[in-house]
Amino acid sequence: MKAVICYVLLGLALWLLPWGLTVSLETGPAWAIDIEKRSDLIGTKPPEWTVSSWFNSKPKRLADFKGKALLVRFWTGPECPYCTASAPVLNDLYQRYHKEGLVVIGMYHHKSETPLTAGHVRGLIERYGFKFPVAIDSEWKTLRAWWLDGRERAWTSVSFLIDREGIIRYIHPGGSYTDEETQALETKIQQLLNNLSRAVHW
């Protein structure tokens, strides 16, 4: 029976691998581990990002957004159905809260079998209708530093919500946003924007 379970988990791991998901044969689905371990990053400051080829913006540093509410979403191409499904949520949040002080940054990390080019990424940005800044996270340097290194993660399409002091206040561990997760993310965004407003009028 134990051998059968191992074969099933192995088959599941191989099926999920192209979408950036992993399964541990010892502990079970890695998304269960995410829920337990992502909290270790809440309240910390992520390191400066290492990115290239900005779109919809001049090159930016993480430090440039101090004093802002910042939503950073790591995403990839259409071979990731979760990224495709989440694009409308990102566009909606950007459109409704950008003027209130929310900055949305898309971090593209390449998974496609086609070569990574600026034209390829620009085409995806147009396909998804992204109007907010997007940068290419070449070789996943920032994704690894912020999320993957030394940790077992289920998804690579993680979202970070960062406050005006550069501190991580909320993490969505990846995959598509459910209705409940979208509401939780929006509630956190509203809280950070309210804090920004109070700081301005202090």
N, C-alpha and C. Protein backbone atom coordinates (compact mmCIF):
# COMPACT_ATOMS: atom_id res chain seq x y z
N MET A 1 0.83 -1.20 0.00
CA MET A 1 0.00 0.00 0.00
C MET A 1 0.87 1.26 0.00
N LYS A 2 1.91 1.23 0.83
CA LYS A 2 2.83 2.38 0.90
C LYS A 2 3.49 2.64 -0.45
N ALA A 3 3.84 1.55 -1.15
CA ALA A 3 4.47 1.70 -2.46
C ALA A 3 3.50 2.34 -3.45
N VAL A 4 2.24 1.94 -3.39
CA VAL A 4 1.22 2.51 -4.29
C VAL A 4 1.10 4.00 -4.06
N ILE A 5 1.07 4.42 -2.79
CA ILE A 5 0.95 5.85 -2.46
C ILE A 5 2.15 6.62 -3.00
N CYS A 6 3.34 6.05 -2.86
CA CYS A 6 4.55 6.71 -3.37
C CYS A 6 4.49 6.89 -4.88
N TYR A 7 4.01 5.85 -5.59
CA TYR A 7 3.89 5.96 -7.05
C TYR A 7 2.89 7.03 -7.44
N VAL A 8 1.78 7.10 -6.70
CA VAL A 8 0.76 8.12 -6.99
C VAL A 8 1.32 9.51 -6.79
N LEU A 9 2.03 9.73 -5.68
CA LEU A 9 2.63 11.04 -5.41
C LEU A 9 3.69 11.39 -6.43
N LEU A 10 4.46 10.39 -6.85
CA LEU A 10 5.48 10.64 -7.86
C LEU A 10 4.85 11.06 -9.18
N GLY A 11 3.77 10.36 -9.58
CA GLY A 11 3.08 10.73 -10.80
C GLY A 11 2.50 12.12 -10.72
N LEU A 12 1.95 12.48 -9.55
CA LEU A 12 1.40 13.82 -9.36
C LEU A 12 2.49 14.87 -9.45
N ALA A 13 3.66 14.57 -8.88
CA ALA A 13 4.77 15.52 -8.92
C ALA A 13 5.22 15.78 -10.35
N LEU A 14 5.31 14.71 -11.15
CA LEU A 14 5.73 14.87 -12.55
C LEU A 14 4.70 15.64 -13.35
N TRP A 15 3.42 15.45 -13.03
CA TRP A 15 2.37 16.17 -13.75
C TRP A 15 2.35 17.66 -13.40
N LEU A 16 2.64 17.98 -12.12
CA LEU A 16 2.58 19.37 -11.67
C LEU A 16 3.84 20.15 -11.98
N LEU A 17 4.94 19.47 -12.24
CA LEU A 17 6.23 20.14 -12.39
C LEU A 17 6.23 21.24 -13.44
N PRO A 18 5.62 21.07 -14.66
CA PRO A 18 5.66 22.15 -15.65
C PRO A 18 4.97 23.42 -15.18
N TRP A 19 4.07 23.32 -14.19
CA TRP A 19 3.36 24.52 -13.74
C TRP A 19 4.04 25.14 -12.54
N GLY A 20 5.20 24.67 -12.18
CA GLY A 20 5.91 25.29 -11.08
C GLY A 20 5.46 24.79 -9.72
N LEU A 21 4.81 23.63 -9.66
CA LEU A 21 4.38 23.07 -8.40
C LEU A 21 5.27 21.89 -8.03
N THR A 22 5.37 21.61 -6.75
CA THR A 22 6.18 20.50 -6.30
C THR A 22 5.43 19.70 -5.26
N VAL A 23 5.79 18.44 -5.14
CA VAL A 23 5.20 17.57 -4.13
C VAL A 23 6.32 16.84 -3.41
N SER A 24 6.24 16.78 -2.11
CA SER A 24 7.22 16.05 -1.32
C SER A 24 6.68 14.66 -1.04
N LEU A 25 7.47 13.63 -1.35
CA LEU A 25 7.04 12.25 -1.10
C LEU A 25 7.02 11.95 0.39
N GLU A 26 7.75 12.74 1.19
CA GLU A 26 7.79 12.48 2.62
C GLU A 26 6.68 13.20 3.37
N THR A 27 6.39 14.44 2.96
CA THR A 27 5.46 15.25 3.74
C THR A 27 4.15 15.52 3.04
N GLY A 28 4.02 15.13 1.77
CA GLY A 28 2.78 15.38 1.06
C GLY A 28 2.84 16.63 0.22
N PRO A 29 1.69 17.17 -0.18
CA PRO A 29 1.65 18.33 -1.07
C PRO A 29 2.39 19.51 -0.48
N ALA A 30 3.21 20.17 -1.33
CA ALA A 30 4.02 21.28 -0.83
C ALA A 30 3.20 22.51 -0.53
N TRP A 31 1.95 22.62 -1.11
CA TRP A 31 1.18 23.82 -0.78
C TRP A 31 0.76 23.82 0.69
N ALA A 32 0.68 22.63 1.30
CA ALA A 32 0.40 22.58 2.73
C ALA A 32 1.57 23.14 3.52
N ILE A 33 2.79 22.91 3.03
CA ILE A 33 3.98 23.45 3.67
C ILE A 33 4.02 24.96 3.51
N ASP A 34 3.60 25.46 2.35
CA ASP A 34 3.57 26.91 2.11
C ASP A 34 2.77 27.62 3.19
N ILE A 35 1.59 27.10 3.50
CA ILE A 35 0.71 27.75 4.46
C ILE A 35 1.40 27.88 5.80
N GLU A 36 2.21 26.89 6.17
CA GLU A 36 2.89 26.90 7.44
C GLU A 36 4.11 27.81 7.43
N LYS A 37 4.83 27.83 6.30
CA LYS A 37 6.14 28.47 6.28
C LYS A 37 6.18 29.88 5.70
N ARG A 38 5.15 30.28 4.95
CA ARG A 38 5.24 31.62 4.37
C ARG A 38 5.18 32.69 5.44
N SER A 39 4.60 32.36 6.61
CA SER A 39 4.48 33.35 7.67
C SER A 39 5.84 33.79 8.20
N ASP A 40 6.90 33.00 7.92
CA ASP A 40 8.22 33.40 8.42
C ASP A 40 8.74 34.64 7.70
N LEU A 41 8.12 35.01 6.56
CA LEU A 41 8.54 36.18 5.81
C LEU A 41 7.72 37.42 6.15
N ILE A 42 6.54 37.23 6.74
CA ILE A 42 5.71 38.37 7.12
C ILE A 42 6.46 39.18 8.20
N GLY A 43 6.52 40.49 7.99
CA GLY A 43 7.22 41.35 8.95
C GLY A 43 8.69 41.54 8.64
N THR A 44 9.16 40.96 7.52
CA THR A 44 10.57 41.12 7.13
C THR A 44 10.66 42.01 5.89
N LYS A 45 11.87 42.48 5.61
CA LYS A 45 12.11 43.28 4.42
C LYS A 45 12.80 42.42 3.36
N PRO A 46 12.25 42.35 2.16
CA PRO A 46 12.92 41.58 1.10
C PRO A 46 14.16 42.32 0.62
N PRO A 47 15.13 41.59 0.09
CA PRO A 47 16.33 42.25 -0.45
C PRO A 47 16.01 43.00 -1.74
N GLU A 48 16.90 43.89 -2.12
CA GLU A 48 16.74 44.62 -3.38
C GLU A 48 16.63 43.63 -4.53
N TRP A 49 15.73 43.91 -5.46
CA TRP A 49 15.57 42.98 -6.59
C TRP A 49 16.68 43.13 -7.61
N THR A 50 16.90 42.05 -8.37
CA THR A 50 17.87 42.02 -9.46
C THR A 50 17.12 41.68 -10.73
N VAL A 51 16.75 42.70 -11.49
CA VAL A 51 15.90 42.51 -12.65
C VAL A 51 16.43 43.30 -13.84
N SER A 52 15.80 43.09 -15.00
CA SER A 52 16.25 43.77 -16.22
C SER A 52 15.05 44.03 -17.13
N SER A 53 15.29 44.80 -18.19
CA SER A 53 14.31 45.01 -19.26
C SER A 53 12.94 45.43 -18.74
N TRP A 54 12.86 46.63 -18.22
CA TRP A 54 11.59 47.14 -17.72
C TRP A 54 10.64 47.52 -18.85
N PHE A 55 9.35 47.31 -18.61
CA PHE A 55 8.29 47.70 -19.54
C PHE A 55 7.30 48.59 -18.79
N ASN A 56 6.70 49.52 -19.50
CA ASN A 56 5.73 50.46 -18.92
C ASN A 56 6.33 51.34 -17.83
N SER A 57 7.65 51.41 -17.77
CA SER A 57 8.29 52.20 -16.72
C SER A 57 9.78 52.31 -17.01
N LYS A 58 10.40 53.35 -16.45
CA LYS A 58 11.85 53.41 -16.41
C LYS A 58 12.33 52.40 -15.37
N PRO A 59 13.59 51.98 -15.43
CA PRO A 59 14.11 51.04 -14.41
C PRO A 59 13.90 51.59 -13.00
N LYS A 60 13.49 50.72 -12.12
CA LYS A 60 13.20 51.10 -10.74
C LYS A 60 13.93 50.20 -9.77
N ARG A 61 14.24 50.75 -8.60
CA ARG A 61 14.76 49.96 -7.49
C ARG A 61 13.65 49.78 -6.47
N LEU A 62 13.74 48.74 -5.68
CA LEU A 62 12.76 48.53 -4.63
C LEU A 62 12.70 49.74 -3.71
N ALA A 63 13.84 50.32 -3.44
CA ALA A 63 13.91 51.47 -2.53
C ALA A 63 13.15 52.68 -3.07
N ASP A 64 12.93 52.73 -4.38
CA ASP A 64 12.21 53.86 -4.98
C ASP A 64 10.76 53.93 -4.51
N PHE A 65 10.24 52.83 -3.99
CA PHE A 65 8.83 52.78 -3.63
C PHE A 65 8.60 52.91 -2.13
N LYS A 66 9.61 53.33 -1.41
CA LYS A 66 9.41 53.59 0.02
C LYS A 66 8.38 54.70 0.17
N GLY A 67 7.43 54.51 1.06
CA GLY A 67 6.35 55.46 1.22
C GLY A 67 5.12 55.10 0.41
N LYS A 68 5.19 54.00 -0.35
CA LYS A 68 4.07 53.53 -1.16
C LYS A 68 3.60 52.16 -0.67
N ALA A 69 2.38 51.79 -1.06
CA ALA A 69 1.91 50.41 -0.90
C ALA A 69 2.25 49.68 -2.20
N LEU A 70 2.95 48.57 -2.08
CA LEU A 70 3.52 47.89 -3.25
C LEU A 70 3.06 46.45 -3.33
N LEU A 71 2.48 46.08 -4.47
CA LEU A 71 2.08 44.70 -4.75
C LEU A 71 2.99 44.15 -5.84
N VAL A 72 3.76 43.12 -5.51
CA VAL A 72 4.68 42.50 -6.46
C VAL A 72 4.17 41.09 -6.76
N ARG A 73 3.91 40.83 -8.03
CA ARG A 73 3.42 39.51 -8.45
C ARG A 73 4.41 38.89 -9.42
N PHE A 74 4.90 37.70 -9.12
CA PHE A 74 5.75 36.94 -10.04
C PHE A 74 4.84 36.14 -10.96
N TRP A 75 5.08 36.24 -12.26
CA TRP A 75 4.21 35.60 -13.23
C TRP A 75 5.03 35.08 -14.41
N THR A 76 4.40 34.23 -15.20
CA THR A 76 5.06 33.70 -16.38
C THR A 76 4.03 33.61 -17.51
N GLY A 77 4.36 32.91 -18.58
CA GLY A 77 3.57 32.95 -19.79
C GLY A 77 2.30 32.12 -19.75
N PRO A 78 1.64 31.99 -20.90
CA PRO A 78 0.33 31.34 -20.96
C PRO A 78 0.38 29.85 -20.66
N GLU A 79 1.57 29.25 -20.64
CA GLU A 79 1.64 27.84 -20.26
C GLU A 79 1.33 27.65 -18.78
N CYS A 80 1.28 28.75 -18.03
CA CYS A 80 0.87 28.72 -16.63
C CYS A 80 -0.58 29.19 -16.53
N PRO A 81 -1.54 28.29 -16.37
CA PRO A 81 -2.95 28.71 -16.34
C PRO A 81 -3.28 29.60 -15.15
N TYR A 82 -2.51 29.45 -14.06
CA TYR A 82 -2.76 30.28 -12.88
C TYR A 82 -2.43 31.74 -13.15
N CYS A 83 -1.37 31.98 -13.88
CA CYS A 83 -0.99 33.36 -14.22
C CYS A 83 -2.02 33.99 -15.15
N THR A 84 -2.50 33.22 -16.10
CA THR A 84 -3.52 33.72 -17.01
C THR A 84 -4.80 34.05 -16.26
N ALA A 85 -5.19 33.18 -15.33
CA ALA A 85 -6.43 33.40 -14.57
C ALA A 85 -6.32 34.58 -13.62
N SER A 86 -5.10 34.89 -13.16
CA SER A 86 -4.91 35.96 -12.18
C SER A 86 -4.73 37.33 -12.81
N ALA A 87 -4.46 37.38 -14.11
CA ALA A 87 -4.21 38.66 -14.77
C ALA A 87 -5.37 39.65 -14.60
N PRO A 88 -6.64 39.24 -14.78
CA PRO A 88 -7.74 40.20 -14.60
C PRO A 88 -7.80 40.79 -13.19
N VAL A 89 -7.44 40.00 -12.18
CA VAL A 89 -7.45 40.51 -10.81
C VAL A 89 -6.39 41.59 -10.64
N LEU A 90 -5.20 41.35 -11.17
CA LEU A 90 -4.14 42.34 -11.08
C LEU A 90 -4.53 43.63 -11.80
N ASN A 91 -5.10 43.50 -12.98
CA ASN A 91 -5.53 44.68 -13.73
C ASN A 91 -6.60 45.46 -12.97
N ASP A 92 -7.53 44.74 -12.37
CA ASP A 92 -8.61 45.39 -11.63
C ASP A 92 -8.08 46.14 -10.41
N LEU A 93 -7.18 45.50 -9.65
CA LEU A 93 -6.61 46.15 -8.48
C LEU A 93 -5.81 47.39 -8.86
N TYR A 94 -5.06 47.26 -9.94
CA TYR A 94 -4.28 48.40 -10.41
C TYR A 94 -5.19 49.56 -10.82
N GLN A 95 -6.21 49.27 -11.58
CA GLN A 95 -7.10 50.32 -12.07
C GLN A 95 -7.85 51.02 -10.95
N ARG A 96 -8.25 50.27 -9.93
CA ARG A 96 -9.08 50.85 -8.87
C ARG A 96 -8.27 51.53 -7.77
N TYR A 97 -7.01 51.10 -7.57
CA TYR A 97 -6.27 51.62 -6.42
C TYR A 97 -4.99 52.38 -6.78
N HIS A 98 -4.66 52.42 -8.05
CA HIS A 98 -3.42 53.09 -8.44
C HIS A 98 -3.41 54.56 -8.03
N LYS A 99 -4.52 55.25 -8.26
CA LYS A 99 -4.58 56.68 -7.94
C LYS A 99 -4.57 56.94 -6.44
N GLU A 100 -4.89 55.90 -5.66
CA GLU A 100 -4.87 56.04 -4.21
C GLU A 100 -3.50 55.74 -3.61
N GLY A 101 -2.56 55.29 -4.45
CA GLY A 101 -1.20 55.07 -3.97
C GLY A 101 -0.68 53.66 -4.08
N LEU A 102 -1.48 52.73 -4.66
CA LEU A 102 -0.99 51.36 -4.83
C LEU A 102 -0.11 51.27 -6.07
N VAL A 103 1.06 50.69 -5.90
CA VAL A 103 1.96 50.40 -7.02
C VAL A 103 1.94 48.89 -7.26
N VAL A 104 1.68 48.49 -8.49
CA VAL A 104 1.71 47.07 -8.86
C VAL A 104 2.92 46.84 -9.77
N ILE A 105 3.70 45.83 -9.45
CA ILE A 105 4.87 45.46 -10.24
C ILE A 105 4.74 43.99 -10.65
N GLY A 106 4.85 43.72 -11.93
CA GLY A 106 4.87 42.35 -12.41
C GLY A 106 6.30 41.88 -12.64
N MET A 107 6.66 40.77 -12.04
CA MET A 107 8.00 40.19 -12.19
C MET A 107 7.89 38.94 -13.08
N TYR A 108 8.34 39.06 -14.32
CA TYR A 108 8.25 37.93 -15.24
C TYR A 108 9.43 36.99 -15.03
N HIS A 109 9.13 35.71 -14.79
CA HIS A 109 10.16 34.68 -14.71
C HIS A 109 9.88 33.64 -15.80
N HIS A 110 10.85 33.40 -16.63
CA HIS A 110 10.67 32.64 -17.87
C HIS A 110 10.62 31.13 -17.62
N LYS A 111 9.60 30.48 -18.18
CA LYS A 111 9.49 29.02 -18.13
C LYS A 111 9.29 28.40 -19.51
N SER A 112 9.00 29.22 -20.49
CA SER A 112 8.68 28.72 -21.82
C SER A 112 9.89 28.05 -22.46
N GLU A 113 9.61 27.11 -23.36
CA GLU A 113 10.68 26.45 -24.11
C GLU A 113 11.27 27.38 -25.17
N THR A 114 10.52 28.43 -25.54
CA THR A 114 11.05 29.40 -26.50
C THR A 114 12.07 30.29 -25.81
N PRO A 115 13.02 30.86 -26.57
CA PRO A 115 14.04 31.72 -25.96
C PRO A 115 13.43 32.94 -25.29
N LEU A 116 14.06 33.37 -24.22
CA LEU A 116 13.63 34.57 -23.52
C LEU A 116 14.09 35.80 -24.29
N THR A 117 13.14 36.60 -24.75
CA THR A 117 13.45 37.85 -25.44
C THR A 117 12.52 38.93 -24.92
N ALA A 118 12.93 40.18 -25.08
CA ALA A 118 12.08 41.30 -24.67
C ALA A 118 10.79 41.31 -25.48
N GLY A 119 10.88 40.93 -26.75
CA GLY A 119 9.69 40.90 -27.59
C GLY A 119 8.68 39.88 -27.11
N HIS A 120 9.16 38.73 -26.65
CA HIS A 120 8.28 37.68 -26.12
C HIS A 120 7.51 38.21 -24.91
N VAL A 121 8.22 38.86 -24.00
CA VAL A 121 7.59 39.37 -22.79
C VAL A 121 6.64 40.52 -23.13
N ARG A 122 7.05 41.39 -24.05
CA ARG A 122 6.18 42.50 -24.44
C ARG A 122 4.86 41.99 -25.03
N GLY A 123 4.95 40.91 -25.80
CA GLY A 123 3.74 40.33 -26.36
C GLY A 123 2.80 39.80 -25.28
N LEU A 124 3.36 39.20 -24.24
CA LEU A 124 2.54 38.69 -23.14
C LEU A 124 1.90 39.84 -22.36
N ILE A 125 2.65 40.91 -22.16
CA ILE A 125 2.12 42.08 -21.46
C ILE A 125 0.92 42.64 -22.22
N GLU A 126 1.04 42.72 -23.53
CA GLU A 126 -0.07 43.21 -24.35
C GLU A 126 -1.24 42.23 -24.31
N ARG A 127 -0.94 40.95 -24.34
CA ARG A 127 -1.99 39.92 -24.31
C ARG A 127 -2.80 40.01 -23.02
N TYR A 128 -2.13 40.23 -21.89
CA TYR A 128 -2.80 40.29 -20.60
C TYR A 128 -3.34 41.68 -20.28
N GLY A 129 -2.95 42.68 -21.07
CA GLY A 129 -3.44 44.03 -20.84
C GLY A 129 -2.81 44.73 -19.66
N PHE A 130 -1.58 44.35 -19.31
CA PHE A 130 -0.91 44.98 -18.17
C PHE A 130 -0.52 46.41 -18.50
N LYS A 131 -0.95 47.36 -17.67
CA LYS A 131 -0.55 48.75 -17.81
C LYS A 131 0.46 49.16 -16.74
N PHE A 132 0.63 48.33 -15.76
CA PHE A 132 1.56 48.62 -14.67
C PHE A 132 2.98 48.18 -15.06
N PRO A 133 4.00 48.63 -14.33
CA PRO A 133 5.38 48.26 -14.67
C PRO A 133 5.63 46.76 -14.57
N VAL A 134 6.41 46.26 -15.51
CA VAL A 134 6.81 44.85 -15.53
C VAL A 134 8.31 44.78 -15.76
N ALA A 135 8.99 43.90 -15.05
CA ALA A 135 10.42 43.68 -15.25
C ALA A 135 10.68 42.20 -15.44
N ILE A 136 11.77 41.88 -16.11
CA ILE A 136 12.16 40.49 -16.30
C ILE A 136 13.11 40.07 -15.18
N ASP A 137 12.73 39.02 -14.48
CA ASP A 137 13.57 38.46 -13.43
C ASP A 137 14.45 37.37 -14.06
N SER A 138 15.51 37.79 -14.71
CA SER A 138 16.39 36.86 -15.41
C SER A 138 16.99 35.84 -14.46
N GLU A 139 16.94 34.60 -14.87
CA GLU A 139 17.50 33.48 -14.11
C GLU A 139 16.86 33.34 -12.73
N TRP A 140 15.71 33.97 -12.56
CA TRP A 140 14.94 33.86 -11.32
C TRP A 140 15.72 34.36 -10.10
N LYS A 141 16.61 35.29 -10.30
CA LYS A 141 17.45 35.74 -9.18
C LYS A 141 16.63 36.32 -8.03
N THR A 142 15.67 37.18 -8.38
CA THR A 142 14.85 37.79 -7.34
C THR A 142 13.87 36.79 -6.75
N LEU A 143 13.27 35.98 -7.60
CA LEU A 143 12.34 34.96 -7.12
C LEU A 143 13.02 34.02 -6.13
N ARG A 144 14.24 33.64 -6.43
CA ARG A 144 14.96 32.75 -5.52
C ARG A 144 15.29 33.47 -4.21
N ALA A 145 15.74 34.70 -4.29
CA ALA A 145 16.12 35.43 -3.08
C ALA A 145 14.92 35.74 -2.19
N TRP A 146 13.79 36.03 -2.82
CA TRP A 146 12.60 36.39 -2.05
C TRP A 146 11.79 35.20 -1.57
N TRP A 147 11.83 34.08 -2.34
CA TRP A 147 10.82 33.05 -2.11
C TRP A 147 11.34 31.62 -2.10
N LEU A 148 12.23 31.27 -3.03
CA LEU A 148 12.55 29.86 -3.23
C LEU A 148 13.74 29.36 -2.44
N ASP A 149 14.79 30.15 -2.33
CA ASP A 149 16.05 29.65 -1.75
C ASP A 149 15.86 29.15 -0.33
N GLY A 150 16.26 27.88 -0.14
CA GLY A 150 16.22 27.29 1.19
C GLY A 150 14.83 26.94 1.68
N ARG A 151 13.83 27.01 0.79
CA ARG A 151 12.46 26.76 1.20
C ARG A 151 11.78 25.84 0.19
N GLU A 152 10.87 25.03 0.66
CA GLU A 152 10.08 24.17 -0.23
C GLU A 152 8.78 24.87 -0.55
N ARG A 153 8.56 25.20 -1.80
CA ARG A 153 7.39 25.98 -2.20
C ARG A 153 6.57 25.22 -3.24
N ALA A 154 5.27 25.47 -3.23
CA ALA A 154 4.39 24.82 -4.18
C ALA A 154 4.37 25.54 -5.51
N TRP A 155 4.31 26.88 -5.47
CA TRP A 155 4.20 27.68 -6.68
C TRP A 155 5.34 28.69 -6.77
N THR A 156 5.58 29.14 -8.00
CA THR A 156 6.52 30.24 -8.20
C THR A 156 5.79 31.56 -8.43
N SER A 157 4.48 31.50 -8.71
CA SER A 157 3.72 32.72 -9.01
C SER A 157 3.22 33.39 -7.73
N VAL A 158 4.16 33.76 -6.89
CA VAL A 158 3.87 34.31 -5.57
C VAL A 158 3.59 35.81 -5.66
N SER A 159 2.79 36.33 -4.73
CA SER A 159 2.52 37.77 -4.63
C SER A 159 2.95 38.26 -3.25
N PHE A 160 3.59 39.43 -3.23
CA PHE A 160 3.99 40.08 -1.98
C PHE A 160 3.33 41.44 -1.89
N LEU A 161 2.73 41.74 -0.76
CA LEU A 161 2.20 43.06 -0.49
C LEU A 161 3.11 43.71 0.55
N ILE A 162 3.68 44.85 0.19
CA ILE A 162 4.72 45.49 0.98
C ILE A 162 4.27 46.89 1.40
N ASP A 163 4.50 47.25 2.65
CA ASP A 163 4.01 48.54 3.15
C ASP A 163 4.99 49.67 2.85
N ARG A 164 4.69 50.88 3.32
CA ARG A 164 5.47 52.07 2.99
C ARG A 164 6.87 52.05 3.59
N GLU A 165 7.11 51.17 4.56
CA GLU A 165 8.44 51.03 5.15
C GLU A 165 9.24 49.91 4.50
N GLY A 166 8.66 49.28 3.47
CA GLY A 166 9.36 48.19 2.79
C GLY A 166 9.23 46.86 3.49
N ILE A 167 8.22 46.70 4.34
CA ILE A 167 8.03 45.47 5.11
C ILE A 167 6.91 44.64 4.49
N ILE A 168 7.14 43.35 4.36
CA ILE A 168 6.13 42.43 3.81
C ILE A 168 4.99 42.28 4.81
N ARG A 169 3.77 42.56 4.34
CA ARG A 169 2.60 42.49 5.22
C ARG A 169 1.63 41.37 4.82
N TYR A 170 1.74 40.90 3.58
CA TYR A 170 0.83 39.84 3.13
C TYR A 170 1.50 39.08 2.01
N ILE A 171 1.28 37.75 1.98
CA ILE A 171 1.82 36.90 0.91
C ILE A 171 0.72 36.00 0.39
N HIS A 172 0.53 36.02 -0.92
CA HIS A 172 -0.28 34.98 -1.57
C HIS A 172 0.71 34.02 -2.20
N PRO A 173 0.69 32.74 -1.81
CA PRO A 173 1.78 31.82 -2.17
C PRO A 173 1.82 31.37 -3.62
N GLY A 174 0.85 31.80 -4.44
CA GLY A 174 0.90 31.42 -5.85
C GLY A 174 -0.36 30.71 -6.30
N GLY A 175 -0.36 30.36 -7.58
CA GLY A 175 -1.58 29.83 -8.16
C GLY A 175 -2.53 30.98 -8.46
N SER A 176 -3.74 30.67 -8.86
CA SER A 176 -4.71 31.72 -9.15
C SER A 176 -5.32 32.22 -7.85
N TYR A 177 -5.90 33.43 -7.91
CA TYR A 177 -6.56 34.00 -6.75
C TYR A 177 -8.00 33.48 -6.68
N THR A 178 -8.37 32.85 -5.58
CA THR A 178 -9.77 32.51 -5.37
C THR A 178 -10.52 33.78 -4.98
N ASP A 179 -11.84 33.71 -4.97
CA ASP A 179 -12.62 34.88 -4.56
C ASP A 179 -12.27 35.30 -3.14
N GLU A 180 -12.11 34.32 -2.25
CA GLU A 180 -11.78 34.62 -0.87
C GLU A 180 -10.38 35.24 -0.76
N GLU A 181 -9.45 34.71 -1.54
CA GLU A 181 -8.08 35.25 -1.50
C GLU A 181 -8.02 36.65 -2.10
N THR A 182 -8.80 36.88 -3.14
CA THR A 182 -8.86 38.22 -3.73
C THR A 182 -9.40 39.23 -2.72
N GLN A 183 -10.44 38.82 -1.98
CA GLN A 183 -11.01 39.71 -0.97
C GLN A 183 -10.02 39.97 0.15
N ALA A 184 -9.29 38.93 0.57
CA ALA A 184 -8.30 39.11 1.63
C ALA A 184 -7.18 40.04 1.18
N LEU A 185 -6.73 39.87 -0.07
CA LEU A 185 -5.69 40.73 -0.61
C LEU A 185 -6.18 42.17 -0.71
N GLU A 186 -7.40 42.36 -1.19
CA GLU A 186 -7.94 43.71 -1.33
C GLU A 186 -8.12 44.38 0.04
N THR A 187 -8.55 43.62 1.02
CA THR A 187 -8.69 44.17 2.37
C THR A 187 -7.34 44.65 2.90
N LYS A 188 -6.30 43.87 2.67
CA LYS A 188 -4.96 44.27 3.10
C LYS A 188 -4.49 45.52 2.36
N ILE A 189 -4.78 45.58 1.06
CA ILE A 189 -4.41 46.76 0.28
C ILE A 189 -5.10 48.00 0.85
N GLN A 190 -6.39 47.89 1.15
CA GLN A 190 -7.13 49.01 1.70
C GLN A 190 -6.55 49.45 3.04
N GLN A 191 -6.13 48.50 3.86
CA GLN A 191 -5.53 48.84 5.14
C GLN A 191 -4.23 49.62 4.95
N LEU A 192 -3.39 49.16 4.01
CA LEU A 192 -2.13 49.86 3.77
C LEU A 192 -2.37 51.25 3.20
N LEU A 193 -3.36 51.38 2.31
CA LEU A 193 -3.66 52.69 1.74
C LEU A 193 -4.22 53.64 2.80
N ASN A 194 -5.01 53.12 3.72
CA ASN A 194 -5.51 53.93 4.82
C ASN A 194 -4.37 54.42 5.70
N ASN A 195 -3.40 53.55 5.91
CA ASN A 195 -2.22 53.93 6.69
C ASN A 195 -1.42 55.03 5.97
N LEU A 196 -1.34 54.91 4.64
CA LEU A 196 -0.66 55.94 3.86
C LEU A 196 -1.36 57.29 4.00
N SER A 197 -2.68 57.25 3.94
CA SER A 197 -3.45 58.48 4.02
C SER A 197 -3.27 59.14 5.38
N ARG A 198 -3.27 58.35 6.45
CA ARG A 198 -3.08 58.91 7.77
C ARG A 198 -1.69 59.49 7.93
N ALA A 199 -0.70 58.82 7.32
CA ALA A 199 0.68 59.32 7.41
C ALA A 199 0.83 60.66 6.71
N VAL A 200 0.12 60.83 5.58
CA VAL A 200 0.22 62.08 4.81
C VAL A 200 -0.41 63.23 5.58
N HIS A 201 -1.49 62.95 6.32
CA HIS A 201 -2.22 64.00 7.01
C HIS A 201 -1.77 64.17 8.46
N TRP A 202 -0.73 63.43 8.85
CA TRP A 202 -0.27 63.51 10.25
C TRP A 202 0.41 64.85 10.53
